[in-house]
Amino acid sequence: MLEQNIKDLLENAKNISKIYEKKKEKEQTIAEKTGCNFNIFDIIGISTKEIYICRLLAELLDPKGCHEQKTKYLESFYEKFLKDNFKTIDINNITVIKEDLTKQLEIEGKDKRRIDIVLNEYNGHYIPIEVKINADEQIDQCHDYLKQAEKYYKVRNIEGNPFVCFLTKTGYMPKSIKE
């Protein structure tokens, strides 16, 4: 009985090893065909440098960016991250602001917080984008950014709900904004 159990255990281990090897071979084939293991950010050492990533993202989103692609990247970003929250937005009237400061929040210590990126639609939506790479949200950070957006909506007489775009590597939600 013991001998049979050992044989069964060894056979199971052998089967698991074969499955693992096949999986690794499949992953290698996919990597060779797609280049999915190539990460320029890791190679140049900035994959965890939030400031550099934000600068790059802002430049890509900017229709006037040096990439000369006009609204192409902004439209793609809109489709992926914003479309569900903003049915109408004038992509051609967006200004991208880097490190926009919160202003006149009327709460001690809340002014002059730096919003990583803002998509500012002329006389329209004001969309703060907060990027988090290996860091936690500061106390009330996104809540304050939402309050800043609400001020713009009120002044601009915009209907609808302001929105903070919170980008993380794993997709977790900000703690300071309750749904």
N, C-alpha and C. Protein backbone atom coordinates (compact mmCIF):
# COMPACT_ATOMS: atom_id res chain seq x y z
N MET A 1 0.82 -1.20 0.00
CA MET A 1 0.00 0.00 0.00
C MET A 1 0.86 1.26 0.00
N LEU A 2 1.83 1.31 0.90
CA LEU A 2 2.73 2.46 0.98
C LEU A 2 3.52 2.62 -0.32
N GLU A 3 3.94 1.48 -0.86
CA GLU A 3 4.69 1.50 -2.11
C GLU A 3 3.85 2.07 -3.25
N GLN A 4 2.59 1.71 -3.30
CA GLN A 4 1.69 2.22 -4.35
C GLN A 4 1.44 3.73 -4.18
N ASN A 5 1.28 4.17 -2.94
CA ASN A 5 1.10 5.60 -2.67
C ASN A 5 2.31 6.40 -3.13
N ILE A 6 3.50 5.88 -2.89
CA ILE A 6 4.72 6.56 -3.32
C ILE A 6 4.78 6.61 -4.85
N LYS A 7 4.45 5.49 -5.51
CA LYS A 7 4.43 5.46 -6.98
C LYS A 7 3.43 6.47 -7.53
N ASP A 8 2.24 6.54 -6.93
CA ASP A 8 1.22 7.49 -7.38
C ASP A 8 1.68 8.93 -7.19
N LEU A 9 2.30 9.18 -6.05
CA LEU A 9 2.81 10.51 -5.76
C LEU A 9 3.87 10.92 -6.79
N LEU A 10 4.78 10.01 -7.08
CA LEU A 10 5.82 10.30 -8.06
C LEU A 10 5.24 10.50 -9.45
N GLU A 11 4.24 9.73 -9.81
CA GLU A 11 3.58 9.88 -11.12
C GLU A 11 2.87 11.23 -11.21
N ASN A 12 2.20 11.63 -10.13
CA ASN A 12 1.55 12.95 -10.10
C ASN A 12 2.57 14.08 -10.23
N ALA A 13 3.68 13.94 -9.54
CA ALA A 13 4.74 14.95 -9.62
C ALA A 13 5.28 15.04 -11.04
N LYS A 14 5.45 13.89 -11.68
CA LYS A 14 5.93 13.85 -13.07
C LYS A 14 4.94 14.55 -14.01
N ASN A 15 3.65 14.29 -13.82
CA ASN A 15 2.62 14.92 -14.65
C ASN A 15 2.58 16.43 -14.44
N ILE A 16 2.68 16.85 -13.20
CA ILE A 16 2.70 18.29 -12.90
C ILE A 16 3.91 18.95 -13.56
N SER A 17 5.04 18.30 -13.49
CA SER A 17 6.26 18.81 -14.11
C SER A 17 6.09 18.95 -15.62
N LYS A 18 5.46 17.99 -16.27
CA LYS A 18 5.21 18.05 -17.72
C LYS A 18 4.28 19.22 -18.07
N ILE A 19 3.22 19.39 -17.28
CA ILE A 19 2.28 20.50 -17.50
C ILE A 19 3.00 21.83 -17.36
N TYR A 20 3.85 21.93 -16.34
CA TYR A 20 4.60 23.17 -16.10
C TYR A 20 5.53 23.46 -17.28
N GLU A 21 6.23 22.45 -17.77
CA GLU A 21 7.15 22.63 -18.90
C GLU A 21 6.41 23.06 -20.16
N LYS A 22 5.23 22.47 -20.42
CA LYS A 22 4.44 22.85 -21.59
C LYS A 22 3.98 24.31 -21.47
N LYS A 23 3.60 24.69 -20.26
CA LYS A 23 3.17 26.06 -20.04
C LYS A 23 4.32 27.03 -20.29
N LYS A 24 5.50 26.72 -19.80
CA LYS A 24 6.68 27.56 -20.00
C LYS A 24 7.02 27.66 -21.49
N GLU A 25 6.92 26.55 -22.21
CA GLU A 25 7.19 26.56 -23.66
C GLU A 25 6.19 27.45 -24.38
N LYS A 26 4.91 27.37 -23.98
CA LYS A 26 3.88 28.20 -24.60
C LYS A 26 4.15 29.68 -24.32
N GLU A 27 4.50 30.01 -23.08
CA GLU A 27 4.82 31.39 -22.72
C GLU A 27 6.01 31.90 -23.52
N GLN A 28 7.02 31.04 -23.71
CA GLN A 28 8.21 31.44 -24.48
C GLN A 28 7.85 31.70 -25.94
N THR A 29 6.99 30.86 -26.50
CA THR A 29 6.55 31.04 -27.89
C THR A 29 5.80 32.36 -28.04
N ILE A 30 4.92 32.65 -27.09
CA ILE A 30 4.16 33.91 -27.12
C ILE A 30 5.12 35.09 -27.01
N ALA A 31 6.08 34.99 -26.11
CA ALA A 31 7.05 36.09 -25.92
C ALA A 31 7.86 36.32 -27.19
N GLU A 32 8.25 35.25 -27.86
CA GLU A 32 9.03 35.39 -29.09
C GLU A 32 8.20 36.03 -30.20
N LYS A 33 6.91 35.73 -30.25
CA LYS A 33 6.05 36.27 -31.30
C LYS A 33 5.61 37.71 -31.02
N THR A 34 5.45 38.06 -29.75
CA THR A 34 4.88 39.37 -29.41
C THR A 34 5.87 40.35 -28.79
N GLY A 35 6.96 39.86 -28.25
CA GLY A 35 7.89 40.75 -27.55
C GLY A 35 7.34 41.23 -26.22
N CYS A 36 6.40 40.48 -25.65
CA CYS A 36 5.70 40.94 -24.44
C CYS A 36 6.60 41.08 -23.22
N ASN A 37 7.78 40.49 -23.24
CA ASN A 37 8.68 40.63 -22.09
C ASN A 37 9.56 41.88 -22.19
N PHE A 38 9.47 42.57 -23.32
CA PHE A 38 10.25 43.79 -23.50
C PHE A 38 9.53 44.95 -22.82
N ASN A 39 10.20 45.58 -21.88
CA ASN A 39 9.61 46.71 -21.17
C ASN A 39 10.67 47.83 -21.13
N ILE A 40 10.47 48.81 -21.99
CA ILE A 40 11.44 49.90 -22.09
C ILE A 40 11.61 50.63 -20.76
N PHE A 41 10.55 50.69 -19.96
CA PHE A 41 10.62 51.40 -18.68
C PHE A 41 11.52 50.66 -17.69
N ASP A 42 11.46 49.33 -17.70
CA ASP A 42 12.37 48.55 -16.86
C ASP A 42 13.81 48.69 -17.35
N ILE A 43 13.99 48.65 -18.65
CA ILE A 43 15.33 48.69 -19.23
C ILE A 43 16.04 49.99 -18.87
N ILE A 44 15.34 51.11 -18.96
CA ILE A 44 16.00 52.39 -18.65
C ILE A 44 15.86 52.79 -17.18
N GLY A 45 15.23 51.91 -16.39
CA GLY A 45 15.21 52.10 -14.94
C GLY A 45 14.21 53.11 -14.41
N ILE A 46 13.08 53.30 -15.12
CA ILE A 46 12.10 54.27 -14.62
C ILE A 46 10.73 53.65 -14.34
N SER A 47 10.62 52.34 -14.36
CA SER A 47 9.31 51.71 -14.21
C SER A 47 8.66 52.01 -12.85
N THR A 48 9.45 52.41 -11.88
CA THR A 48 8.89 52.76 -10.57
C THR A 48 9.04 54.25 -10.27
N LYS A 49 9.42 55.03 -11.26
CA LYS A 49 9.61 56.48 -11.10
C LYS A 49 8.34 57.20 -11.55
N GLU A 50 7.47 57.46 -10.61
CA GLU A 50 6.15 58.03 -10.91
C GLU A 50 6.24 59.36 -11.65
N ILE A 51 7.15 60.20 -11.27
CA ILE A 51 7.26 61.52 -11.91
C ILE A 51 7.58 61.37 -13.40
N TYR A 52 8.52 60.51 -13.73
CA TYR A 52 8.88 60.30 -15.14
C TYR A 52 7.73 59.69 -15.93
N ILE A 53 7.06 58.72 -15.32
CA ILE A 53 5.93 58.08 -16.00
C ILE A 53 4.82 59.11 -16.25
N CYS A 54 4.56 59.97 -15.27
CA CYS A 54 3.54 61.02 -15.44
C CYS A 54 3.92 62.00 -16.54
N ARG A 55 5.18 62.38 -16.59
CA ARG A 55 5.62 63.29 -17.66
C ARG A 55 5.40 62.66 -19.03
N LEU A 56 5.75 61.39 -19.15
CA LEU A 56 5.57 60.69 -20.43
C LEU A 56 4.08 60.57 -20.77
N LEU A 57 3.28 60.17 -19.80
CA LEU A 57 1.85 60.03 -20.03
C LEU A 57 1.22 61.37 -20.43
N ALA A 58 1.59 62.43 -19.74
CA ALA A 58 1.05 63.76 -20.07
C ALA A 58 1.43 64.15 -21.49
N GLU A 59 2.65 63.88 -21.87
CA GLU A 59 3.09 64.23 -23.23
C GLU A 59 2.32 63.42 -24.28
N LEU A 60 2.10 62.14 -23.99
CA LEU A 60 1.35 61.31 -24.94
C LEU A 60 -0.11 61.76 -25.04
N LEU A 61 -0.70 62.16 -23.93
CA LEU A 61 -2.11 62.59 -23.94
C LEU A 61 -2.30 63.96 -24.57
N ASP A 62 -1.25 64.76 -24.59
CA ASP A 62 -1.35 66.13 -25.08
C ASP A 62 -1.48 66.16 -26.61
N PRO A 63 -2.61 66.65 -27.13
CA PRO A 63 -2.77 66.73 -28.59
C PRO A 63 -1.69 67.60 -29.26
N LYS A 64 -1.06 68.45 -28.48
CA LYS A 64 0.02 69.29 -29.02
C LYS A 64 1.39 68.72 -28.68
N GLY A 65 1.43 67.46 -28.25
CA GLY A 65 2.69 66.83 -27.86
C GLY A 65 3.64 66.65 -29.02
N CYS A 66 4.91 66.44 -28.71
CA CYS A 66 5.94 66.31 -29.73
C CYS A 66 5.79 65.03 -30.55
N HIS A 67 4.88 64.15 -30.16
CA HIS A 67 4.65 62.91 -30.91
C HIS A 67 3.97 63.16 -32.26
N GLU A 68 3.39 64.36 -32.45
CA GLU A 68 2.74 64.75 -33.70
C GLU A 68 1.56 63.87 -34.10
N GLN A 69 0.96 63.19 -33.13
CA GLN A 69 -0.18 62.32 -33.41
C GLN A 69 -1.51 62.99 -33.09
N LYS A 70 -1.47 64.26 -32.78
CA LYS A 70 -2.64 65.07 -32.44
C LYS A 70 -3.44 64.39 -31.33
N THR A 71 -4.70 64.03 -31.57
CA THR A 71 -5.56 63.49 -30.50
C THR A 71 -5.57 61.96 -30.44
N LYS A 72 -4.74 61.31 -31.21
CA LYS A 72 -4.77 59.84 -31.31
C LYS A 72 -4.65 59.15 -29.94
N TYR A 73 -3.65 59.53 -29.16
CA TYR A 73 -3.43 58.87 -27.86
C TYR A 73 -4.49 59.29 -26.84
N LEU A 74 -4.90 60.54 -26.89
CA LEU A 74 -5.96 61.01 -26.00
C LEU A 74 -7.27 60.28 -26.28
N GLU A 75 -7.59 60.08 -27.54
CA GLU A 75 -8.80 59.34 -27.91
C GLU A 75 -8.74 57.90 -27.40
N SER A 76 -7.60 57.28 -27.52
CA SER A 76 -7.42 55.91 -27.02
C SER A 76 -7.60 55.86 -25.50
N PHE A 77 -7.02 56.83 -24.80
CA PHE A 77 -7.15 56.93 -23.34
C PHE A 77 -8.62 57.13 -22.96
N TYR A 78 -9.28 58.01 -23.69
CA TYR A 78 -10.71 58.26 -23.45
C TYR A 78 -11.51 56.97 -23.59
N GLU A 79 -11.30 56.24 -24.65
CA GLU A 79 -12.03 54.99 -24.90
C GLU A 79 -11.80 53.98 -23.78
N LYS A 80 -10.57 53.88 -23.31
CA LYS A 80 -10.21 52.87 -22.31
C LYS A 80 -10.63 53.27 -20.89
N PHE A 81 -10.46 54.54 -20.52
CA PHE A 81 -10.61 54.92 -19.11
C PHE A 81 -11.73 55.92 -18.81
N LEU A 82 -12.18 56.69 -19.77
CA LEU A 82 -13.09 57.78 -19.45
C LEU A 82 -14.49 57.66 -20.05
N LYS A 83 -14.63 56.91 -21.10
CA LYS A 83 -15.88 56.87 -21.87
C LYS A 83 -17.11 56.56 -21.00
N ASP A 84 -16.97 55.67 -20.04
CA ASP A 84 -18.11 55.30 -19.19
C ASP A 84 -18.57 56.45 -18.31
N ASN A 85 -17.67 57.38 -18.00
CA ASN A 85 -18.00 58.49 -17.11
C ASN A 85 -18.33 59.79 -17.84
N PHE A 86 -17.87 59.91 -19.08
CA PHE A 86 -18.10 61.13 -19.85
C PHE A 86 -18.62 60.76 -21.23
N LYS A 87 -19.92 60.88 -21.40
CA LYS A 87 -20.52 60.55 -22.70
C LYS A 87 -20.16 61.59 -23.75
N THR A 88 -20.06 62.83 -23.33
CA THR A 88 -19.68 63.88 -24.27
C THR A 88 -18.45 64.59 -23.74
N ILE A 89 -17.48 64.68 -24.59
CA ILE A 89 -16.27 65.41 -24.26
C ILE A 89 -15.66 65.85 -25.60
N ASP A 90 -15.17 67.08 -25.63
CA ASP A 90 -14.60 67.60 -26.86
C ASP A 90 -13.09 67.39 -26.84
N ILE A 91 -12.67 66.28 -27.39
CA ILE A 91 -11.25 65.90 -27.40
C ILE A 91 -10.39 67.01 -28.02
N ASN A 92 -10.95 67.72 -28.98
CA ASN A 92 -10.16 68.76 -29.68
C ASN A 92 -9.98 70.03 -28.85
N ASN A 93 -10.68 70.13 -27.73
CA ASN A 93 -10.55 71.31 -26.86
C ASN A 93 -9.98 70.95 -25.49
N ILE A 94 -9.11 69.96 -25.47
CA ILE A 94 -8.48 69.52 -24.23
C ILE A 94 -7.09 70.13 -24.11
N THR A 95 -6.80 70.67 -22.95
CA THR A 95 -5.45 71.10 -22.60
C THR A 95 -4.97 70.14 -21.52
N VAL A 96 -3.76 69.67 -21.66
CA VAL A 96 -3.17 68.78 -20.65
C VAL A 96 -2.29 69.61 -19.74
N ILE A 97 -2.59 69.52 -18.44
CA ILE A 97 -1.85 70.28 -17.43
C ILE A 97 -1.07 69.29 -16.57
N LYS A 98 0.22 69.54 -16.41
CA LYS A 98 1.06 68.72 -15.54
C LYS A 98 1.14 69.37 -14.18
N GLU A 99 0.97 68.59 -13.14
CA GLU A 99 1.09 69.04 -11.75
C GLU A 99 0.27 70.29 -11.46
N ASP A 100 -1.01 70.21 -11.75
CA ASP A 100 -1.91 71.33 -11.46
C ASP A 100 -2.13 71.41 -9.95
N LEU A 101 -2.11 72.61 -9.41
CA LEU A 101 -2.29 72.79 -7.98
C LEU A 101 -3.76 72.92 -7.62
N THR A 102 -4.16 72.30 -6.51
CA THR A 102 -5.51 72.53 -6.00
C THR A 102 -5.55 73.95 -5.48
N LYS A 103 -6.71 74.58 -5.63
CA LYS A 103 -6.85 75.98 -5.23
C LYS A 103 -8.18 76.21 -4.53
N GLN A 104 -8.17 77.06 -3.53
CA GLN A 104 -9.37 77.54 -2.86
C GLN A 104 -10.31 76.41 -2.42
N LEU A 105 -9.75 75.40 -1.81
CA LEU A 105 -10.59 74.32 -1.29
C LEU A 105 -11.17 74.66 0.08
N GLU A 106 -10.75 75.79 0.63
CA GLU A 106 -11.28 76.30 1.89
C GLU A 106 -11.10 75.33 3.06
N ILE A 107 -10.11 74.50 2.94
CA ILE A 107 -9.78 73.57 4.02
C ILE A 107 -8.29 73.74 4.30
N GLU A 108 -7.94 73.99 5.54
CA GLU A 108 -6.56 74.22 5.92
C GLU A 108 -5.66 73.08 5.44
N GLY A 109 -4.59 73.44 4.74
CA GLY A 109 -3.61 72.46 4.29
C GLY A 109 -3.97 71.72 3.01
N LYS A 110 -5.12 72.00 2.43
CA LYS A 110 -5.55 71.28 1.23
C LYS A 110 -5.19 72.01 -0.06
N ASP A 111 -4.91 73.31 0.05
CA ASP A 111 -4.50 74.05 -1.13
C ASP A 111 -3.09 73.64 -1.55
N LYS A 112 -2.84 73.78 -2.80
CA LYS A 112 -1.53 73.55 -3.38
C LYS A 112 -1.08 72.10 -3.31
N ARG A 113 -2.04 71.18 -3.36
CA ARG A 113 -1.69 69.78 -3.59
C ARG A 113 -1.49 69.63 -5.08
N ARG A 114 -0.58 68.79 -5.49
CA ARG A 114 -0.26 68.65 -6.90
C ARG A 114 -1.00 67.46 -7.52
N ILE A 115 -1.87 67.78 -8.45
CA ILE A 115 -2.57 66.75 -9.22
C ILE A 115 -1.62 66.35 -10.35
N ASP A 116 -1.32 65.07 -10.48
CA ASP A 116 -0.32 64.62 -11.45
C ASP A 116 -0.59 65.17 -12.85
N ILE A 117 -1.79 64.93 -13.36
CA ILE A 117 -2.15 65.37 -14.71
C ILE A 117 -3.62 65.79 -14.68
N VAL A 118 -3.95 66.83 -15.42
CA VAL A 118 -5.34 67.23 -15.56
C VAL A 118 -5.66 67.35 -17.05
N LEU A 119 -6.79 66.76 -17.42
CA LEU A 119 -7.34 66.99 -18.76
C LEU A 119 -8.38 68.08 -18.59
N ASN A 120 -8.08 69.24 -19.11
CA ASN A 120 -8.92 70.41 -18.92
C ASN A 120 -9.59 70.77 -20.24
N GLU A 121 -10.88 70.50 -20.32
CA GLU A 121 -11.65 70.82 -21.52
C GLU A 121 -12.06 72.29 -21.43
N TYR A 122 -11.75 73.07 -22.45
CA TYR A 122 -12.06 74.48 -22.45
C TYR A 122 -13.55 74.69 -22.13
N ASN A 123 -13.84 75.39 -21.03
CA ASN A 123 -15.21 75.63 -20.55
C ASN A 123 -16.01 74.35 -20.35
N GLY A 124 -15.32 73.26 -20.10
CA GLY A 124 -16.01 71.99 -19.91
C GLY A 124 -15.41 71.20 -18.76
N HIS A 125 -15.26 69.91 -19.00
CA HIS A 125 -14.80 68.99 -17.97
C HIS A 125 -13.39 69.32 -17.49
N TYR A 126 -13.17 69.03 -16.23
CA TYR A 126 -11.87 69.14 -15.58
C TYR A 126 -11.63 67.77 -14.97
N ILE A 127 -10.68 67.02 -15.54
CA ILE A 127 -10.50 65.62 -15.16
C ILE A 127 -9.12 65.42 -14.54
N PRO A 128 -9.05 65.33 -13.21
CA PRO A 128 -7.77 65.03 -12.56
C PRO A 128 -7.38 63.57 -12.80
N ILE A 129 -6.10 63.36 -13.05
CA ILE A 129 -5.55 62.00 -13.19
C ILE A 129 -4.48 61.84 -12.14
N GLU A 130 -4.66 60.87 -11.26
CA GLU A 130 -3.67 60.57 -10.24
C GLU A 130 -3.03 59.23 -10.58
N VAL A 131 -1.71 59.21 -10.62
CA VAL A 131 -0.95 58.00 -10.94
C VAL A 131 -0.27 57.51 -9.67
N LYS A 132 -0.43 56.23 -9.37
CA LYS A 132 0.20 55.65 -8.20
C LYS A 132 1.03 54.44 -8.62
N ILE A 133 2.34 54.54 -8.40
CA ILE A 133 3.25 53.44 -8.69
C ILE A 133 3.97 53.11 -7.39
N ASN A 134 3.67 51.96 -6.83
CA ASN A 134 4.30 51.51 -5.58
C ASN A 134 4.18 52.54 -4.46
N ALA A 135 3.04 53.20 -4.41
CA ALA A 135 2.80 54.19 -3.34
C ALA A 135 1.32 54.15 -2.98
N ASP A 136 1.03 54.57 -1.78
CA ASP A 136 -0.36 54.65 -1.33
C ASP A 136 -0.87 56.07 -1.55
N GLU A 137 -2.17 56.17 -1.63
CA GLU A 137 -2.81 57.47 -1.72
C GLU A 137 -2.57 58.23 -0.42
N GLN A 138 -2.27 59.52 -0.53
CA GLN A 138 -2.14 60.36 0.65
C GLN A 138 -3.53 60.57 1.26
N ILE A 139 -3.58 60.97 2.50
CA ILE A 139 -4.85 61.16 3.19
C ILE A 139 -5.73 62.14 2.40
N ASP A 140 -6.93 61.70 2.06
CA ASP A 140 -7.94 62.49 1.35
C ASP A 140 -7.47 63.03 -0.01
N GLN A 141 -6.43 62.47 -0.57
CA GLN A 141 -5.85 63.01 -1.80
C GLN A 141 -6.86 63.07 -2.94
N CYS A 142 -7.43 61.94 -3.32
CA CYS A 142 -8.37 61.93 -4.44
C CYS A 142 -9.67 62.64 -4.10
N HIS A 143 -10.06 62.59 -2.85
CA HIS A 143 -11.24 63.34 -2.40
C HIS A 143 -11.03 64.83 -2.65
N ASP A 144 -9.85 65.34 -2.32
CA ASP A 144 -9.55 66.75 -2.55
C ASP A 144 -9.52 67.07 -4.04
N TYR A 145 -9.01 66.15 -4.84
CA TYR A 145 -8.99 66.38 -6.29
C TYR A 145 -10.41 66.40 -6.85
N LEU A 146 -11.26 65.56 -6.29
CA LEU A 146 -12.66 65.55 -6.71
C LEU A 146 -13.34 66.87 -6.33
N LYS A 147 -13.04 67.37 -5.15
CA LYS A 147 -13.58 68.67 -4.72
C LYS A 147 -13.11 69.78 -5.66
N GLN A 148 -11.86 69.71 -6.10
CA GLN A 148 -11.33 70.70 -7.04
C GLN A 148 -12.12 70.62 -8.35
N ALA A 149 -12.37 69.41 -8.84
CA ALA A 149 -13.14 69.24 -10.08
C ALA A 149 -14.56 69.77 -9.89
N GLU A 150 -15.17 69.52 -8.73
CA GLU A 150 -16.53 70.01 -8.46
C GLU A 150 -16.57 71.54 -8.54
N LYS A 151 -15.53 72.21 -8.06
CA LYS A 151 -15.49 73.67 -8.15
C LYS A 151 -15.52 74.13 -9.61
N TYR A 152 -14.75 73.45 -10.45
CA TYR A 152 -14.75 73.81 -11.88
C TYR A 152 -16.11 73.55 -12.50
N TYR A 153 -16.74 72.44 -12.14
CA TYR A 153 -18.06 72.11 -12.70
C TYR A 153 -19.07 73.18 -12.32
N LYS A 154 -18.99 73.64 -11.07
CA LYS A 154 -19.93 74.66 -10.61
C LYS A 154 -19.71 75.98 -11.35
N VAL A 155 -18.47 76.43 -11.44
CA VAL A 155 -18.14 77.69 -12.12
C VAL A 155 -18.49 77.62 -13.60
N ARG A 156 -18.26 76.45 -14.21
CA ARG A 156 -18.49 76.30 -15.65
C ARG A 156 -19.92 75.86 -15.97
N ASN A 157 -20.71 75.66 -14.92
CA ASN A 157 -22.10 75.23 -15.09
C ASN A 157 -22.20 73.94 -15.90
N ILE A 158 -21.38 72.95 -15.51
CA ILE A 158 -21.34 71.66 -16.19
C ILE A 158 -22.25 70.69 -15.46
N GLU A 159 -23.11 70.01 -16.20
CA GLU A 159 -23.95 68.98 -15.61
C GLU A 159 -23.17 67.67 -15.57
N GLY A 160 -23.57 66.80 -14.67
CA GLY A 160 -22.90 65.51 -14.56
C GLY A 160 -22.02 65.47 -13.33
N ASN A 161 -21.40 64.33 -13.15
CA ASN A 161 -20.57 64.13 -11.97
C ASN A 161 -19.09 64.21 -12.31
N PRO A 162 -18.35 65.01 -11.56
CA PRO A 162 -16.90 65.04 -11.76
C PRO A 162 -16.32 63.66 -11.48
N PHE A 163 -15.13 63.45 -11.95
CA PHE A 163 -14.51 62.13 -11.90
C PHE A 163 -13.01 62.31 -11.72
N VAL A 164 -12.40 61.47 -10.90
CA VAL A 164 -10.95 61.42 -10.77
C VAL A 164 -10.49 60.10 -11.38
N CYS A 165 -9.59 60.18 -12.33
CA CYS A 165 -9.02 58.99 -12.94
C CYS A 165 -7.82 58.56 -12.08
N PHE A 166 -7.90 57.38 -11.50
CA PHE A 166 -6.90 56.89 -10.56
C PHE A 166 -6.21 55.70 -11.22
N LEU A 167 -4.97 55.89 -11.63
CA LEU A 167 -4.24 54.85 -12.37
C LEU A 167 -3.21 54.18 -11.46
N THR A 168 -3.32 52.86 -11.36
CA THR A 168 -2.38 52.07 -10.56
C THR A 168 -1.96 50.86 -11.37
N LYS A 169 -0.92 50.19 -10.93
CA LYS A 169 -0.47 48.99 -11.62
C LYS A 169 -1.45 47.83 -11.44
N THR A 170 -2.17 47.82 -10.32
CA THR A 170 -3.05 46.68 -10.03
C THR A 170 -4.53 47.02 -10.11
N GLY A 171 -4.87 48.28 -10.32
CA GLY A 171 -6.27 48.66 -10.48
C GLY A 171 -7.05 48.88 -9.19
N TYR A 172 -6.35 49.04 -8.07
CA TYR A 172 -7.10 49.26 -6.82
C TYR A 172 -7.72 50.66 -6.82
N MET A 173 -8.75 50.82 -6.04
CA MET A 173 -9.51 52.09 -6.00
C MET A 173 -8.96 53.00 -4.90
N PRO A 174 -9.12 54.31 -5.08
CA PRO A 174 -8.66 55.24 -4.04
C PRO A 174 -9.48 55.07 -2.77
N LYS A 175 -8.83 55.21 -1.65
CA LYS A 175 -9.51 55.05 -0.36
C LYS A 175 -10.37 56.25 0.00
N SER A 176 -10.00 57.43 -0.49
CA SER A 176 -10.68 58.66 -0.04
C SER A 176 -11.96 58.96 -0.82
N ILE A 177 -12.27 58.17 -1.83
CA ILE A 177 -13.51 58.38 -2.57
C ILE A 177 -14.38 57.15 -2.40
N LYS A 178 -15.52 57.36 -1.81
CA LYS A 178 -16.47 56.27 -1.59
C LYS A 178 -17.48 56.29 -2.73
N GLU A 179 -17.80 55.13 -3.25
CA GLU A 179 -18.77 55.06 -4.36
C GLU A 179 -20.17 55.27 -3.89
